[in-house]
C-alpha cells in the first residue's frame, strides 16, 4: 500500500514538474522572440549591423515587404487599397487618401525573392 501511494505521488509530482518545465520553456521562447523583435526594430534600417545579423535582418525586411504586397493584393481583390501614410483603407482607384490627404502612389505587386 505504501508503494502505491509513493508511485501515485511520484506520478503527480512528475506531471507537476512537466507542466512547470513546459511553462519555463514557453516563457523562454517568448522572451527570445521579444528580444528578437526589439533587436530587429532597432536595427532594420541600420546598414552597418554586425555581419552575423545582417542576413537575418535583410530577410525579415524582405518578408515584411512581401507581406505588404500580399496585403495589397488581398485588398485589391476587395476593390480597396491602403494609404501608405496613415494606413486608412479606401477604394482602389483613389488618388488621394480621404483621411490624411496623402497623394497615393501605384500599388506594388512585385514580390521580392528571398
Protein backbone atom coordinates (compact mmCIF):
# COMPACT_ATOMS: atom_id res chain seq x y z
CA UNK A 1 0.00 0.00 0.00
CA UNK A 2 2.81 2.43 0.83
CA UNK A 3 4.43 1.67 -2.54
CA UNK A 4 1.20 2.50 -4.42
CA UNK A 5 0.93 5.82 -2.64
CA UNK A 6 4.56 6.68 -3.39
CA UNK A 7 4.05 5.80 -7.08
CA UNK A 8 0.91 7.98 -7.29
CA UNK A 9 2.70 10.80 -5.50
CA UNK A 10 5.69 10.42 -7.82
CA UNK A 11 3.41 10.46 -10.87
CA UNK A 12 1.63 13.61 -9.69
CA UNK A 13 4.98 15.22 -8.91
CA UNK A 14 6.28 14.27 -12.37
CA UNK A 15 3.23 15.82 -14.05
CA UNK A 16 3.68 18.98 -11.99
CA UNK A 17 7.35 19.16 -12.98
CA UNK A 18 6.49 18.61 -16.66
CA UNK A 19 3.93 21.43 -16.54
CA UNK A 20 6.44 23.76 -14.86
CA UNK A 21 9.14 22.79 -17.38
CA UNK A 22 6.78 23.45 -20.31
CA UNK A 23 5.84 26.85 -18.84
CA UNK A 24 9.50 27.78 -18.38
CA UNK A 25 10.37 26.65 -21.94
CA UNK A 26 7.42 28.62 -23.38
CA UNK A 27 8.39 31.72 -21.40
CA UNK A 28 11.98 31.38 -22.64
CA UNK A 29 10.82 31.13 -26.28
CA UNK A 30 8.57 34.16 -25.78
CA UNK A 31 11.40 36.20 -24.26
CA UNK A 32 13.76 35.25 -27.13
CA UNK A 33 11.05 36.26 -29.60
CA UNK A 34 10.55 39.60 -27.83
CA UNK A 35 14.31 40.20 -27.75
CA UNK A 36 14.49 39.44 -31.48
CA UNK A 37 11.66 41.88 -32.20
CA UNK A 38 13.37 44.61 -30.19
CA UNK A 39 16.70 43.98 -31.91
CA UNK A 40 15.10 43.95 -35.36
CA UNK A 41 13.16 47.18 -34.80
CA UNK A 42 16.33 48.86 -33.54
CA UNK A 43 18.43 47.62 -36.49
CA UNK A 44 16.17 47.23 -39.53
CA UNK A 45 17.44 50.48 -41.08
CA UNK A 46 20.99 50.09 -39.80
CA UNK A 47 23.21 49.32 -42.80
CA UNK A 48 26.18 48.70 -40.51
CA UNK A 49 24.53 45.99 -38.41
CA UNK A 50 27.01 43.27 -37.42
CA UNK A 51 27.63 40.72 -40.18
CA UNK A 52 26.26 37.83 -38.10
CA UNK A 53 22.85 39.55 -38.02
CA UNK A 54 22.83 41.17 -41.46
CA UNK A 55 21.35 38.23 -43.43
CA UNK A 56 18.57 37.71 -40.89
CA UNK A 57 17.70 41.42 -40.76
CA UNK A 58 17.68 41.61 -44.58
CA UNK A 59 15.48 38.51 -44.85
CA UNK A 60 13.00 39.88 -42.31
CA UNK A 61 12.92 43.20 -44.19
CA UNK A 62 12.13 41.33 -47.43
CA UNK A 63 9.45 39.27 -45.69
CA UNK A 64 7.85 42.47 -44.33
CA UNK A 65 7.80 43.87 -47.86
CA UNK A 66 6.26 40.67 -49.26
CA UNK A 67 3.60 40.73 -46.53
CA UNK A 68 2.76 44.27 -47.60
CA UNK A 69 2.48 43.12 -51.24
CA UNK A 70 0.24 40.18 -50.29
CA UNK A 71 -1.92 42.51 -48.19
CA UNK A 72 -2.17 44.90 -51.16
CA UNK A 73 -3.23 42.01 -53.38
CA UNK A 74 -5.84 40.93 -50.84
CA UNK A 75 -7.25 44.46 -50.59
CA UNK A 76 -7.26 44.78 -54.39
CA UNK A 77 -9.50 41.71 -54.69
CA UNK A 78 -11.92 43.60 -52.45
CA UNK A 79 -11.63 46.76 -54.56
CA UNK A 80 -9.66 48.51 -51.82
CA UNK A 81 -6.17 49.79 -51.08
CA UNK A 82 -4.31 51.15 -48.07
CA UNK A 83 -2.84 54.61 -47.63
CA UNK A 84 0.95 54.28 -47.21
CA UNK A 85 0.95 57.31 -44.92
CA UNK A 86 -1.80 56.67 -42.36
CA UNK A 87 -3.00 53.09 -43.02
CA UNK A 88 -6.54 54.14 -43.94
CA UNK A 89 -8.40 51.70 -46.21
CA UNK A 90 -10.03 53.33 -49.23
CA UNK A 91 -11.33 52.49 -52.72
CA UNK A 92 -8.65 51.09 -55.04
CA UNK A 93 -8.97 53.81 -57.70
CA UNK A 94 -8.41 56.66 -55.20
CA UNK A 95 -5.69 59.19 -55.99
CA UNK A 96 -5.59 60.79 -52.54
CA UNK A 97 -6.32 59.50 -49.04
CA UNK A 98 -9.65 60.83 -47.81
CA UNK A 99 -8.33 60.79 -44.23
CA UNK A 100 -4.87 62.40 -44.38
CA UNK A 101 -4.78 63.85 -47.92
CA UNK A 102 -1.65 61.89 -48.90
CA UNK A 103 -1.12 61.55 -52.68
CA UNK A 104 -1.25 57.82 -53.27
CA UNK A 105 1.41 56.03 -55.31
CA UNK A 106 0.96 53.00 -57.53
CA UNK A 107 0.36 49.84 -55.51
CA UNK A 108 3.33 47.48 -55.64
CA UNK A 109 2.52 43.93 -56.63
CA UNK A 110 6.06 42.63 -57.20
CA UNK A 111 7.32 40.18 -54.59
CA UNK A 112 10.96 40.16 -53.50
CA UNK A 113 12.85 36.90 -53.93
CA UNK A 114 14.18 35.62 -50.63
